[in-house]
Protein backbone atom coordinates (compact mmCIF):
# COMPACT_ATOMS: atom_id res chain seq x y z
CA UNK A 1 88.46 92.34 91.45
CA UNK A 2 89.08 88.81 92.84
CA UNK A 3 92.73 87.78 93.35
CA UNK A 4 94.90 85.07 94.76
CA UNK A 5 98.32 85.88 96.14
CA UNK A 6 100.85 83.03 96.08
CA UNK A 7 104.44 83.09 97.30
CA UNK A 8 106.77 81.70 99.92
CA UNK A 9 106.77 82.91 103.50
CA UNK A 10 108.34 86.31 103.94
CA UNK A 11 107.73 87.33 100.33
CA UNK A 12 105.45 90.25 101.27
CA UNK A 13 101.98 88.86 100.58
CA UNK A 14 100.56 90.47 103.71
CA UNK A 15 101.99 93.87 102.77
CA UNK A 16 100.55 93.69 99.24
CA UNK A 17 97.15 92.54 100.57
CA UNK A 18 97.11 95.57 102.91
CA UNK A 19 97.92 97.90 100.04
CA UNK A 20 95.22 96.36 97.76
CA UNK A 21 92.72 96.64 100.55
CA UNK A 22 93.58 100.30 101.29
CA UNK A 23 93.66 101.46 97.65
CA UNK A 24 91.21 99.18 95.89
CA UNK A 25 88.90 98.26 98.66
CA UNK A 26 89.42 94.50 98.25
CA UNK A 27 88.76 92.20 101.22
CA UNK A 28 91.81 90.23 102.37
CA UNK A 29 90.74 86.67 103.14
CA UNK A 30 93.23 84.54 105.07
CA UNK A 31 92.54 80.80 105.52
CA UNK A 32 94.21 81.13 108.93
CA UNK A 33 91.88 83.92 109.98
CA UNK A 34 88.86 81.90 108.89
CA UNK A 35 90.06 78.81 110.81
CA UNK A 36 90.45 80.81 114.01
CA UNK A 37 87.06 82.53 113.60
CA UNK A 38 85.26 79.22 112.94
CA UNK A 39 86.97 77.57 115.90
CA UNK A 40 86.24 80.54 118.14
CA UNK A 41 82.57 80.58 117.20
CA UNK A 42 82.44 76.72 117.60
CA UNK A 43 80.74 76.19 114.23
CA UNK A 44 80.34 72.55 113.09
CA UNK A 45 83.21 73.04 110.73
CA UNK A 46 85.26 74.77 113.32
CA UNK A 47 84.74 71.96 115.89
CA UNK A 48 85.81 69.43 113.26
CA UNK A 49 88.93 71.45 112.29
CA UNK A 50 89.97 71.77 115.95
CA UNK A 51 89.65 67.97 116.40
CA UNK A 52 92.38 67.56 113.72
CA UNK A 53 94.53 70.42 114.92
CA UNK A 54 94.54 69.20 118.48
CA UNK A 55 95.95 65.89 117.28
CA UNK A 56 98.65 67.63 115.23
CA UNK A 57 97.05 66.48 111.94
CA UNK A 58 96.38 68.54 108.83
CA UNK A 59 92.79 69.64 108.39
CA UNK A 60 91.25 67.71 105.44
CA UNK A 61 90.64 69.54 102.21
CA UNK A 62 86.84 69.14 102.43
CA UNK A 63 86.68 70.88 105.81
CA UNK A 64 89.01 73.70 104.62
CA UNK A 65 87.05 74.16 101.40
CA UNK A 66 83.78 74.27 103.33
CA UNK A 67 85.07 77.07 105.51
CA UNK A 68 86.26 78.99 102.41
CA UNK A 69 82.98 78.49 100.63
CA UNK A 70 81.12 79.93 103.67
CA UNK A 71 83.27 83.01 103.71
CA UNK A 72 83.21 83.61 99.90
CA UNK A 73 79.40 83.29 99.82
CA UNK A 74 78.92 86.41 102.01
CA UNK A 75 77.60 89.66 100.41
CA UNK A 76 80.64 91.76 101.28
CA UNK A 77 82.77 89.49 99.15
CA UNK A 78 80.48 89.77 96.14
CA UNK A 79 80.32 93.64 96.58
CA UNK A 80 83.92 94.39 97.19
CA UNK A 81 85.99 91.57 95.73
CA UNK A 82 88.71 89.68 97.58
CA UNK A 83 92.34 88.77 98.00
CA UNK A 84 93.04 85.13 98.94
CA UNK A 85 96.21 84.59 100.94
CA UNK A 86 97.16 81.09 102.16
CA UNK A 87 94.67 79.28 99.97
CA UNK A 88 94.82 77.28 97.78
CA UNK A 89 97.99 75.53 98.93
CA UNK A 90 97.58 72.47 96.76
CA UNK A 91 96.32 71.68 93.24
CA UNK A 92 93.47 69.78 94.79
CA UNK A 93 92.41 72.89 96.66
CA UNK A 94 92.80 75.00 93.52
CA UNK A 95 90.45 72.70 91.62
CA UNK A 96 88.00 72.72 94.44
CA UNK A 97 88.14 76.57 94.55
CA UNK A 98 87.32 76.68 90.84
CA UNK A 99 84.24 74.68 91.65
CA UNK A 100 83.24 76.92 94.57
CA UNK A 101 83.61 80.10 92.48
CA UNK A 102 81.73 78.62 89.55
CA UNK A 103 78.86 77.65 92.02
CA UNK A 104 78.84 81.23 93.27
CA UNK A 105 78.97 82.76 89.81
CA UNK A 106 82.31 84.36 90.47
CA UNK A 107 85.51 84.35 88.44
CA UNK A 108 89.09 85.06 89.27
CA UNK A 109 90.62 88.31 87.98
CA UNK A 110 94.07 86.81 88.30
CA UNK A 111 96.58 84.84 90.33
CA UNK A 112 99.64 86.78 91.47
CA UNK A 113 102.80 84.82 92.07
CA UNK A 114 105.25 86.95 94.11
CA UNK A 115 108.66 85.38 93.49
CA UNK A 116 112.03 85.92 95.20
CA UNK A 117 115.18 83.91 95.65
CA UNK A 118 115.25 81.62 98.70
CA UNK A 119 118.24 83.44 100.19
CA UNK A 120 116.31 86.70 100.21
CA UNK A 121 113.52 85.03 102.17
CA UNK A 122 116.01 83.66 104.71
CA UNK A 123 117.58 87.13 105.16
CA UNK A 124 114.18 88.81 105.50
CA UNK A 125 112.70 86.40 108.00
CA UNK A 126 115.93 85.73 109.86
CA UNK A 127 116.36 89.38 110.69
CA UNK A 128 112.72 89.96 111.73
CA UNK A 129 112.05 91.07 115.33
CA UNK A 130 108.62 91.48 116.79
CA UNK A 131 107.23 93.34 119.82
CA UNK A 132 105.38 90.80 122.03
CA UNK A 133 103.03 93.56 123.27
CA UNK A 134 101.73 95.42 120.19
CA UNK A 135 102.96 93.19 117.40
CA UNK A 136 105.08 95.83 115.76
CA UNK A 137 107.53 94.33 113.31
CA UNK A 138 111.16 95.45 112.88
CA UNK A 139 114.12 94.16 110.88
CA UNK A 140 117.71 94.33 112.07
CA UNK A 141 118.89 95.63 108.66
CA UNK A 142 115.98 97.24 106.77
CA UNK A 143 113.78 98.61 109.58
CA UNK A 144 115.79 98.55 112.88
CA UNK A 145 114.28 100.02 116.10
CA UNK A 146 115.66 103.34 117.35
CA UNK A 147 117.08 101.50 120.43
CA UNK A 148 118.62 98.21 119.51
CA UNK A 149 116.52 95.26 120.62
CA UNK A 150 113.58 97.39 122.01
CA UNK A 151 110.22 98.47 120.51
CA UNK A 152 109.96 102.09 119.48
CA UNK A 153 106.34 102.33 120.73
CA UNK A 154 106.58 100.73 124.21
CA UNK A 155 110.18 99.98 124.91
CA UNK A 156 109.49 96.24 125.41
CA UNK A 157 112.42 93.98 124.42
CA UNK A 158 111.82 92.56 120.96
CA UNK A 159 111.59 88.86 120.29
CA UNK A 160 112.39 86.53 117.41
CA UNK A 161 109.54 84.20 116.41
CA UNK A 162 110.42 80.56 116.95
CA UNK A 163 109.78 79.84 113.25
CA UNK A 164 112.13 82.65 112.17
CA UNK A 165 115.34 80.77 112.76
CA UNK A 166 117.25 79.73 109.64
CA UNK A 167 116.70 75.97 109.83
CA UNK A 168 112.94 76.38 110.24
CA UNK A 169 112.78 78.96 107.43
CA UNK A 170 114.51 76.63 105.09
CA UNK A 171 112.18 73.77 105.98
CA UNK A 172 109.20 76.04 105.39
CA UNK A 173 110.61 76.88 101.98
CA UNK A 174 111.08 73.24 101.16
CA UNK A 175 107.48 72.56 102.07
CA UNK A 176 106.38 75.52 99.92
CA UNK A 177 108.30 74.34 96.81
CA UNK A 178 107.05 70.84 97.16
CA UNK A 179 103.34 71.53 97.83
CA UNK A 180 102.48 75.03 96.50
CA UNK A 181 104.74 75.41 93.48
CA UNK A 182 102.52 72.97 91.54
CA UNK A 183 99.63 75.43 92.20
CA UNK A 184 101.55 78.06 90.22
CA UNK A 185 101.92 75.58 87.37
CA UNK A 186 98.19 74.93 87.53
CA UNK A 187 97.24 78.57 87.11
CA UNK A 188 99.97 79.15 84.52
CA UNK A 189 98.31 76.42 82.41
CA UNK A 190 94.98 78.18 82.74
CA UNK A 191 96.49 81.52 81.60
CA UNK A 192 95.56 83.15 84.94
CA UNK A 193 99.05 83.75 86.32
CA UNK A 194 100.92 87.02 86.76
CA UNK A 195 104.51 86.75 87.93
CA UNK A 196 105.82 89.60 90.05
CA UNK A 197 109.40 90.29 91.25
CA UNK A 198 109.12 90.21 94.97
CA UNK A 199 112.70 91.43 95.52
CA UNK A 200 111.58 95.03 94.70
CA UNK A 201 110.38 97.66 97.21
CA UNK A 202 106.77 97.17 98.29
CA UNK A 203 105.50 100.12 96.20
CA UNK A 204 107.20 98.69 93.10
CA UNK A 205 105.69 95.29 93.67
CA UNK A 206 102.22 96.88 94.09
CA UNK A 207 102.62 98.89 90.83
CA UNK A 208 103.67 95.75 89.00
CA UNK A 209 100.63 93.84 90.28
CA UNK A 210 98.08 96.50 89.28
CA UNK A 211 99.76 97.24 85.98
CA UNK A 212 99.91 93.54 84.80
CA UNK A 213 96.54 92.43 85.91
CA UNK A 214 93.90 92.39 83.22
CA UNK A 215 91.28 95.11 83.34
């Protein structure tokens, strides 16, 4: 099975990718993880990407697509299938991905759009707290720590990520709607889109994904 997960920040894409990996054996492929690996290994594409990032510029599509093609070409992807998270972000990237997959002789099983109201996203991310040591994630309403403001595992004071304040969250949502929403329309026009209600509990979201996907 080869899937793309699309949705705004805080919608639960990472949670669903983890469930799909655990239960179906699919490989989660994050564009951010690939960028970091290429830069760490100082590959030609990684060096090029870092030169743009260091200047505060967006990495050009051809560099991003080159990195994705390299990862999708590996044998483990062909054997196990994949879940793409964070790519494609634009229609141009979606069209390029079609070309990459066609070249590799692979097809998409489906594109899952996890959808929620913006106010739910603001509530979810605005209440998120993270342990700076182990990375454990809490929420002041839905998953509070046993001792307020402190990690259950190590007792370290929890922190709020800088991009989890309300104004930043709303700006991220605005960017998402402007740039990534057209990608949903692209896959809808190609009859590859499955819409899922992301306001449900994670298990319900997972069940809807696996039930509505073809095959």
